[in-house]
Amino acid sequence: MLGRDEILQLVPHQGGMCLWDEVVEWSPQAITLRAFNHRDVQHPLRRGDQLAAIHLCEYGAQAMAVHGGLRGREHGGAVRLGVLVALRDVQLHVARIDDLAGALEACAQVLVEAEGSQQYAFRIHHQGQLLAEGRAAVMLQLP
């Protein structure tokens, strides 16, 4: 298991915008992560007194970034930054997430990859309940 300090070294998102707290497990094709920050009243994506479920798309995209960072580090290369370019087939099964006790857990899996792009599927759960799912595509910056 990897903690937040290690995650911060893998992604461009720093401070409160780094949404994941720990990597539970990962392989070259998939990653599982946990976050506990969705109840934080200082959450940077929070509006008013709520954190909307649409922000789970950012959690999904950051799961991809963490996975890409781990893969790059494992192969001795630099972490390649990416830009989210598309979300597809996103389904939100709740309206908000700030009222959920306990950890959020995400699974992200590589579907397609090329030299300059990747596509992942992501699913985010809370205590066994599916909160959100979808696919995301990222364009990677050139090394």
N, C-alpha and C. Protein backbone atom coordinates (compact mmCIF):
# COMPACT_ATOMS: atom_id res chain seq x y z
N MET A 1 0.84 -1.17 0.00
CA MET A 1 0.00 0.00 0.00
C MET A 1 0.89 1.24 0.00
N LEU A 2 0.50 2.25 -0.78
CA LEU A 2 1.22 3.50 -0.86
C LEU A 2 0.37 4.60 -0.23
N GLY A 3 1.01 5.52 0.48
CA GLY A 3 0.30 6.61 1.14
C GLY A 3 0.28 7.89 0.33
N ARG A 4 -0.34 8.89 0.92
CA ARG A 4 -0.53 10.18 0.26
C ARG A 4 0.79 10.84 -0.14
N ASP A 5 1.80 10.78 0.70
CA ASP A 5 3.08 11.42 0.37
C ASP A 5 3.66 10.87 -0.93
N GLU A 6 3.54 9.58 -1.11
CA GLU A 6 4.05 8.97 -2.34
C GLU A 6 3.17 9.34 -3.54
N ILE A 7 1.87 9.40 -3.32
CA ILE A 7 0.95 9.81 -4.39
C ILE A 7 1.28 11.22 -4.86
N LEU A 8 1.57 12.12 -3.92
CA LEU A 8 1.89 13.51 -4.26
C LEU A 8 3.11 13.62 -5.16
N GLN A 9 4.00 12.65 -5.11
CA GLN A 9 5.18 12.64 -5.96
C GLN A 9 4.87 12.17 -7.38
N LEU A 10 3.69 11.59 -7.57
CA LEU A 10 3.35 10.99 -8.86
C LEU A 10 2.42 11.83 -9.72
N VAL A 11 1.75 12.83 -9.12
CA VAL A 11 0.72 13.58 -9.83
C VAL A 11 0.99 15.08 -9.75
N PRO A 12 0.49 15.84 -10.71
CA PRO A 12 0.66 17.30 -10.64
C PRO A 12 -0.27 17.95 -9.61
N HIS A 13 -1.31 17.26 -9.19
CA HIS A 13 -2.27 17.80 -8.24
C HIS A 13 -1.66 17.82 -6.84
N GLN A 14 -1.59 18.98 -6.24
CA GLN A 14 -0.95 19.11 -4.94
C GLN A 14 -1.94 19.67 -3.92
N GLY A 15 -1.57 19.58 -2.66
CA GLY A 15 -2.43 20.07 -1.59
C GLY A 15 -3.78 19.38 -1.61
N GLY A 16 -4.82 20.14 -1.34
CA GLY A 16 -6.17 19.59 -1.30
C GLY A 16 -6.66 19.08 -2.64
N MET A 17 -6.05 19.52 -3.74
CA MET A 17 -6.49 19.04 -5.06
C MET A 17 -5.98 17.65 -5.39
N CYS A 18 -5.08 17.12 -4.60
CA CYS A 18 -4.72 15.70 -4.74
C CYS A 18 -5.79 14.93 -3.97
N LEU A 19 -6.65 14.22 -4.68
CA LEU A 19 -7.85 13.66 -4.08
C LEU A 19 -7.69 12.29 -3.46
N TRP A 20 -6.65 11.56 -3.79
CA TRP A 20 -6.48 10.20 -3.27
C TRP A 20 -5.54 10.16 -2.08
N ASP A 21 -5.86 9.32 -1.11
CA ASP A 21 -5.06 9.20 0.10
C ASP A 21 -4.19 7.96 0.13
N GLU A 22 -4.61 6.90 -0.55
CA GLU A 22 -3.78 5.69 -0.54
C GLU A 22 -4.07 4.82 -1.75
N VAL A 23 -3.03 4.14 -2.18
CA VAL A 23 -3.14 3.12 -3.22
C VAL A 23 -3.24 1.79 -2.49
N VAL A 24 -4.32 1.09 -2.72
CA VAL A 24 -4.54 -0.21 -2.08
C VAL A 24 -3.75 -1.29 -2.79
N GLU A 25 -3.86 -1.30 -4.11
CA GLU A 25 -3.10 -2.24 -4.94
C GLU A 25 -3.07 -1.73 -6.37
N TRP A 26 -2.09 -2.23 -7.11
CA TRP A 26 -2.02 -1.86 -8.51
C TRP A 26 -1.22 -2.90 -9.28
N SER A 27 -1.49 -2.94 -10.57
CA SER A 27 -0.77 -3.79 -11.51
C SER A 27 -0.56 -2.94 -12.76
N PRO A 28 0.15 -3.45 -13.76
CA PRO A 28 0.32 -2.65 -14.98
C PRO A 28 -1.01 -2.31 -15.67
N GLN A 29 -2.07 -3.06 -15.41
CA GLN A 29 -3.35 -2.81 -16.09
C GLN A 29 -4.41 -2.11 -15.24
N ALA A 30 -4.25 -2.08 -13.91
CA ALA A 30 -5.33 -1.53 -13.07
C ALA A 30 -4.79 -1.01 -11.74
N ILE A 31 -5.63 -0.21 -11.09
CA ILE A 31 -5.28 0.36 -9.79
C ILE A 31 -6.53 0.47 -8.93
N THR A 32 -6.35 0.31 -7.62
CA THR A 32 -7.42 0.52 -6.64
C THR A 32 -6.89 1.51 -5.61
N LEU A 33 -7.69 2.55 -5.35
CA LEU A 33 -7.28 3.61 -4.43
C LEU A 33 -8.40 3.91 -3.43
N ARG A 34 -8.03 4.61 -2.33
CA ARG A 34 -9.01 5.06 -1.34
C ARG A 34 -8.81 6.54 -1.04
N ALA A 35 -9.94 7.20 -0.75
CA ALA A 35 -9.93 8.60 -0.33
C ALA A 35 -10.88 8.77 0.85
N PHE A 36 -10.50 9.68 1.73
CA PHE A 36 -11.29 9.96 2.92
C PHE A 36 -11.69 11.43 2.99
N ASN A 37 -11.34 12.21 1.98
CA ASN A 37 -11.49 13.66 2.04
C ASN A 37 -12.85 14.21 1.60
N HIS A 38 -13.73 13.38 1.13
CA HIS A 38 -15.00 13.85 0.58
C HIS A 38 -15.91 14.51 1.62
N ARG A 39 -15.66 14.28 2.89
CA ARG A 39 -16.46 14.91 3.96
C ARG A 39 -15.84 16.20 4.48
N ASP A 40 -14.65 16.52 4.02
CA ASP A 40 -13.92 17.69 4.49
C ASP A 40 -14.63 18.98 4.05
N VAL A 41 -14.97 19.84 5.00
CA VAL A 41 -15.66 21.09 4.67
C VAL A 41 -14.75 22.04 3.89
N GLN A 42 -13.44 21.79 3.87
CA GLN A 42 -12.49 22.59 3.10
C GLN A 42 -12.13 21.97 1.75
N HIS A 43 -12.86 20.94 1.35
CA HIS A 43 -12.58 20.28 0.07
C HIS A 43 -12.62 21.32 -1.04
N PRO A 44 -11.58 21.37 -1.90
CA PRO A 44 -11.50 22.43 -2.91
C PRO A 44 -12.60 22.38 -3.97
N LEU A 45 -13.27 21.26 -4.16
CA LEU A 45 -14.33 21.16 -5.16
C LEU A 45 -15.73 21.40 -4.57
N ARG A 46 -15.79 21.53 -3.29
CA ARG A 46 -17.06 21.72 -2.59
C ARG A 46 -17.66 23.08 -2.94
N ARG A 47 -18.96 23.10 -3.15
CA ARG A 47 -19.70 24.34 -3.41
C ARG A 47 -20.81 24.43 -2.39
N GLY A 48 -20.82 25.54 -1.64
CA GLY A 48 -21.80 25.68 -0.58
C GLY A 48 -21.53 24.64 0.48
N ASP A 49 -22.53 23.91 0.83
CA ASP A 49 -22.35 22.88 1.85
C ASP A 49 -22.37 21.48 1.27
N GLN A 50 -22.06 21.34 -0.04
CA GLN A 50 -22.14 20.03 -0.68
C GLN A 50 -20.97 19.76 -1.62
N LEU A 51 -20.71 18.49 -1.80
CA LEU A 51 -19.76 18.02 -2.81
C LEU A 51 -20.56 17.12 -3.75
N ALA A 52 -20.80 17.62 -4.95
CA ALA A 52 -21.65 16.92 -5.91
C ALA A 52 -20.98 15.68 -6.48
N ALA A 53 -21.79 14.72 -6.86
CA ALA A 53 -21.29 13.47 -7.43
C ALA A 53 -20.54 13.68 -8.74
N ILE A 54 -20.82 14.74 -9.46
CA ILE A 54 -20.11 14.99 -10.72
C ILE A 54 -18.60 15.07 -10.49
N HIS A 55 -18.20 15.44 -9.29
CA HIS A 55 -16.77 15.53 -8.99
C HIS A 55 -16.10 14.17 -8.91
N LEU A 56 -16.88 13.11 -8.90
CA LEU A 56 -16.29 11.77 -8.96
C LEU A 56 -15.56 11.55 -10.28
N CYS A 57 -15.92 12.33 -11.31
CA CYS A 57 -15.17 12.25 -12.57
C CYS A 57 -13.73 12.70 -12.36
N GLU A 58 -13.51 13.72 -11.53
CA GLU A 58 -12.15 14.16 -11.22
C GLU A 58 -11.43 13.10 -10.41
N TYR A 59 -12.14 12.46 -9.49
CA TYR A 59 -11.53 11.35 -8.75
C TYR A 59 -11.08 10.25 -9.73
N GLY A 60 -11.94 9.95 -10.70
CA GLY A 60 -11.59 8.94 -11.70
C GLY A 60 -10.39 9.34 -12.53
N ALA A 61 -10.35 10.60 -12.96
CA ALA A 61 -9.23 11.08 -13.76
C ALA A 61 -7.93 11.06 -12.96
N GLN A 62 -8.02 11.41 -11.67
CA GLN A 62 -6.80 11.37 -10.86
C GLN A 62 -6.36 9.94 -10.56
N ALA A 63 -7.28 9.01 -10.53
CA ALA A 63 -6.89 7.60 -10.40
C ALA A 63 -6.03 7.20 -11.60
N MET A 64 -6.41 7.67 -12.79
CA MET A 64 -5.62 7.42 -13.99
C MET A 64 -4.22 8.03 -13.85
N ALA A 65 -4.16 9.25 -13.33
CA ALA A 65 -2.87 9.94 -13.18
C ALA A 65 -1.95 9.19 -12.22
N VAL A 66 -2.51 8.73 -11.11
CA VAL A 66 -1.70 7.98 -10.15
C VAL A 66 -1.18 6.69 -10.80
N HIS A 67 -2.06 6.00 -11.51
CA HIS A 67 -1.65 4.77 -12.17
C HIS A 67 -0.56 5.03 -13.21
N GLY A 68 -0.75 6.07 -14.01
CA GLY A 68 0.27 6.41 -14.99
C GLY A 68 1.60 6.76 -14.34
N GLY A 69 1.56 7.47 -13.23
CA GLY A 69 2.78 7.80 -12.51
C GLY A 69 3.49 6.57 -11.98
N LEU A 70 2.73 5.63 -11.44
CA LEU A 70 3.33 4.39 -10.94
C LEU A 70 3.94 3.58 -12.07
N ARG A 71 3.25 3.51 -13.19
CA ARG A 71 3.78 2.77 -14.33
C ARG A 71 5.04 3.41 -14.87
N GLY A 72 5.05 4.73 -14.99
CA GLY A 72 6.23 5.44 -15.46
C GLY A 72 7.41 5.25 -14.53
N ARG A 73 7.17 5.35 -13.24
CA ARG A 73 8.24 5.18 -12.25
C ARG A 73 8.80 3.76 -12.29
N GLU A 74 7.91 2.78 -12.45
CA GLU A 74 8.36 1.39 -12.50
C GLU A 74 9.29 1.12 -13.68
N HIS A 75 9.04 1.82 -14.78
CA HIS A 75 9.86 1.63 -15.98
C HIS A 75 11.04 2.59 -16.03
N GLY A 76 11.27 3.31 -14.95
CA GLY A 76 12.43 4.18 -14.88
C GLY A 76 12.30 5.48 -15.65
N GLY A 77 11.12 5.75 -16.17
CA GLY A 77 10.91 6.97 -16.93
C GLY A 77 10.32 8.08 -16.08
N ALA A 78 10.31 9.24 -16.64
CA ALA A 78 9.69 10.37 -15.96
C ALA A 78 8.18 10.21 -16.00
N VAL A 79 7.53 10.76 -15.02
CA VAL A 79 6.07 10.76 -15.00
C VAL A 79 5.60 11.70 -16.10
N ARG A 80 4.78 11.18 -17.01
CA ARG A 80 4.27 11.99 -18.12
C ARG A 80 2.95 12.63 -17.72
N LEU A 81 2.90 13.93 -17.81
CA LEU A 81 1.67 14.64 -17.49
C LEU A 81 0.68 14.46 -18.63
N GLY A 82 -0.60 14.53 -18.30
CA GLY A 82 -1.63 14.37 -19.30
C GLY A 82 -2.73 15.40 -19.12
N VAL A 83 -3.54 15.52 -20.16
CA VAL A 83 -4.69 16.41 -20.14
C VAL A 83 -5.93 15.57 -20.42
N LEU A 84 -6.90 15.68 -19.55
CA LEU A 84 -8.17 14.97 -19.74
C LEU A 84 -8.86 15.57 -20.96
N VAL A 85 -9.18 14.73 -21.94
CA VAL A 85 -9.79 15.25 -23.17
C VAL A 85 -11.21 14.75 -23.40
N ALA A 86 -11.62 13.69 -22.70
CA ALA A 86 -12.97 13.19 -22.92
C ALA A 86 -13.44 12.32 -21.77
N LEU A 87 -14.71 12.45 -21.49
CA LEU A 87 -15.41 11.53 -20.57
C LEU A 87 -16.52 10.89 -21.39
N ARG A 88 -16.71 9.59 -21.22
CA ARG A 88 -17.72 8.87 -21.97
C ARG A 88 -18.50 7.96 -21.04
N ASP A 89 -19.76 7.79 -21.36
CA ASP A 89 -20.63 6.83 -20.66
C ASP A 89 -20.59 6.99 -19.14
N VAL A 90 -20.47 8.23 -18.67
CA VAL A 90 -20.45 8.47 -17.23
C VAL A 90 -21.85 8.28 -16.67
N GLN A 91 -21.93 7.50 -15.63
CA GLN A 91 -23.20 7.29 -14.92
C GLN A 91 -22.97 7.60 -13.45
N LEU A 92 -23.76 8.52 -12.93
CA LEU A 92 -23.71 8.88 -11.53
C LEU A 92 -24.92 8.26 -10.85
N HIS A 93 -24.68 7.56 -9.77
CA HIS A 93 -25.75 6.82 -9.10
C HIS A 93 -26.20 7.47 -7.79
N VAL A 94 -25.58 8.61 -7.46
CA VAL A 94 -25.97 9.42 -6.30
C VAL A 94 -25.88 10.88 -6.72
N ALA A 95 -26.45 11.76 -5.93
CA ALA A 95 -26.41 13.19 -6.23
C ALA A 95 -25.23 13.90 -5.57
N ARG A 96 -24.85 13.43 -4.40
CA ARG A 96 -23.76 14.07 -3.66
C ARG A 96 -22.97 13.02 -2.91
N ILE A 97 -21.75 13.42 -2.48
CA ILE A 97 -20.90 12.45 -1.81
C ILE A 97 -20.39 12.93 -0.45
N ASP A 98 -20.61 14.18 -0.11
CA ASP A 98 -20.10 14.72 1.15
C ASP A 98 -20.80 14.16 2.37
N ASP A 99 -21.92 13.51 2.19
CA ASP A 99 -22.68 12.96 3.31
C ASP A 99 -22.42 11.46 3.52
N LEU A 100 -21.44 10.90 2.82
CA LEU A 100 -21.12 9.48 2.93
C LEU A 100 -20.03 9.25 3.98
N ALA A 101 -20.32 8.44 4.97
CA ALA A 101 -19.32 8.10 5.99
C ALA A 101 -18.40 7.02 5.43
N GLY A 102 -17.14 7.04 5.81
CA GLY A 102 -16.21 6.02 5.34
C GLY A 102 -15.55 6.40 4.04
N ALA A 103 -14.67 5.53 3.57
CA ALA A 103 -13.81 5.82 2.41
C ALA A 103 -14.54 5.66 1.09
N LEU A 104 -14.10 6.45 0.12
CA LEU A 104 -14.42 6.21 -1.28
C LEU A 104 -13.35 5.26 -1.80
N GLU A 105 -13.74 4.36 -2.70
CA GLU A 105 -12.76 3.45 -3.29
C GLU A 105 -12.97 3.44 -4.79
N ALA A 106 -11.87 3.59 -5.51
CA ALA A 106 -11.92 3.60 -6.98
C ALA A 106 -11.11 2.47 -7.55
N CYS A 107 -11.59 1.97 -8.66
CA CYS A 107 -10.85 1.02 -9.48
C CYS A 107 -10.78 1.64 -10.87
N ALA A 108 -9.59 1.73 -11.41
CA ALA A 108 -9.40 2.23 -12.77
C ALA A 108 -8.60 1.19 -13.54
N GLN A 109 -9.01 0.99 -14.80
CA GLN A 109 -8.39 -0.05 -15.62
C GLN A 109 -8.07 0.50 -16.99
N VAL A 110 -6.86 0.24 -17.47
CA VAL A 110 -6.46 0.66 -18.81
C VAL A 110 -7.27 -0.13 -19.83
N LEU A 111 -7.90 0.59 -20.76
CA LEU A 111 -8.64 -0.06 -21.85
C LEU A 111 -7.84 -0.05 -23.14
N VAL A 112 -7.30 1.13 -23.48
CA VAL A 112 -6.55 1.32 -24.73
C VAL A 112 -5.43 2.30 -24.44
N GLU A 113 -4.29 2.04 -25.03
CA GLU A 113 -3.21 3.02 -24.89
C GLU A 113 -2.37 3.06 -26.15
N ALA A 114 -1.85 4.25 -26.41
CA ALA A 114 -0.94 4.48 -27.52
C ALA A 114 0.19 5.34 -26.97
N GLU A 115 1.13 5.70 -27.81
CA GLU A 115 2.28 6.50 -27.36
C GLU A 115 1.86 7.79 -26.67
N GLY A 116 0.85 8.45 -27.19
CA GLY A 116 0.48 9.76 -26.65
C GLY A 116 -0.89 9.84 -26.03
N SER A 117 -1.53 8.70 -25.80
CA SER A 117 -2.88 8.75 -25.23
C SER A 117 -3.21 7.47 -24.48
N GLN A 118 -4.19 7.60 -23.61
CA GLN A 118 -4.68 6.44 -22.85
C GLN A 118 -6.18 6.59 -22.64
N GLN A 119 -6.85 5.46 -22.55
CA GLN A 119 -8.26 5.44 -22.19
C GLN A 119 -8.44 4.44 -21.05
N TYR A 120 -9.17 4.86 -20.04
CA TYR A 120 -9.41 4.04 -18.86
C TYR A 120 -10.91 3.91 -18.61
N ALA A 121 -11.28 2.85 -17.95
CA ALA A 121 -12.60 2.72 -17.34
C ALA A 121 -12.40 2.94 -15.85
N PHE A 122 -13.35 3.61 -15.21
CA PHE A 122 -13.27 3.79 -13.77
C PHE A 122 -14.62 3.50 -13.12
N ARG A 123 -14.54 3.02 -11.90
CA ARG A 123 -15.72 2.75 -11.07
C ARG A 123 -15.38 3.20 -9.66
N ILE A 124 -16.29 3.95 -9.05
CA ILE A 124 -16.06 4.45 -7.70
C ILE A 124 -17.18 3.95 -6.80
N HIS A 125 -16.78 3.35 -5.68
CA HIS A 125 -17.71 2.75 -4.73
C HIS A 125 -17.60 3.39 -3.36
N HIS A 126 -18.62 3.19 -2.58
CA HIS A 126 -18.61 3.54 -1.16
C HIS A 126 -19.31 2.41 -0.42
N GLN A 127 -18.56 1.72 0.42
CA GLN A 127 -19.10 0.61 1.20
C GLN A 127 -19.92 -0.36 0.35
N GLY A 128 -19.36 -0.71 -0.81
CA GLY A 128 -19.99 -1.68 -1.70
C GLY A 128 -21.03 -1.11 -2.64
N GLN A 129 -21.42 0.15 -2.48
CA GLN A 129 -22.40 0.78 -3.37
C GLN A 129 -21.68 1.50 -4.51
N LEU A 130 -22.09 1.22 -5.74
CA LEU A 130 -21.52 1.89 -6.89
C LEU A 130 -22.02 3.33 -6.93
N LEU A 131 -21.09 4.29 -6.91
CA LEU A 131 -21.44 5.71 -6.94
C LEU A 131 -21.36 6.29 -8.35
N ALA A 132 -20.32 5.89 -9.08
CA ALA A 132 -20.09 6.44 -10.42
C ALA A 132 -19.25 5.47 -11.23
N GLU A 133 -19.44 5.56 -12.55
CA GLU A 133 -18.65 4.75 -13.46
C GLU A 133 -18.58 5.46 -14.80
N GLY A 134 -17.57 5.15 -15.56
CA GLY A 134 -17.43 5.77 -16.86
C GLY A 134 -16.09 5.45 -17.47
N ARG A 135 -15.82 6.15 -18.57
CA ARG A 135 -14.53 6.04 -19.25
C ARG A 135 -13.96 7.43 -19.41
N ALA A 136 -12.65 7.51 -19.41
CA ALA A 136 -11.98 8.79 -19.57
C ALA A 136 -10.78 8.61 -20.49
N ALA A 137 -10.52 9.62 -21.30
CA ALA A 137 -9.37 9.61 -22.21
C ALA A 137 -8.46 10.77 -21.87
N VAL A 138 -7.17 10.52 -21.97
CA VAL A 138 -6.17 11.54 -21.66
C VAL A 138 -5.14 11.56 -22.79
N MET A 139 -4.72 12.77 -23.13
CA MET A 139 -3.61 12.98 -24.07
C MET A 139 -2.38 13.24 -23.23
N LEU A 140 -1.32 12.50 -23.48
CA LEU A 140 -0.08 12.63 -22.71
C LEU A 140 0.85 13.64 -23.37
N GLN A 141 1.54 14.41 -22.54
CA GLN A 141 2.53 15.35 -23.06
C GLN A 141 3.74 14.58 -23.57
N LEU A 142 4.37 15.12 -24.56
CA LEU A 142 5.56 14.48 -25.12
C LEU A 142 6.69 14.53 -24.10
N PRO A 143 7.52 13.48 -24.07
CA PRO A 143 8.65 13.48 -23.12
C PRO A 143 9.69 14.52 -23.46
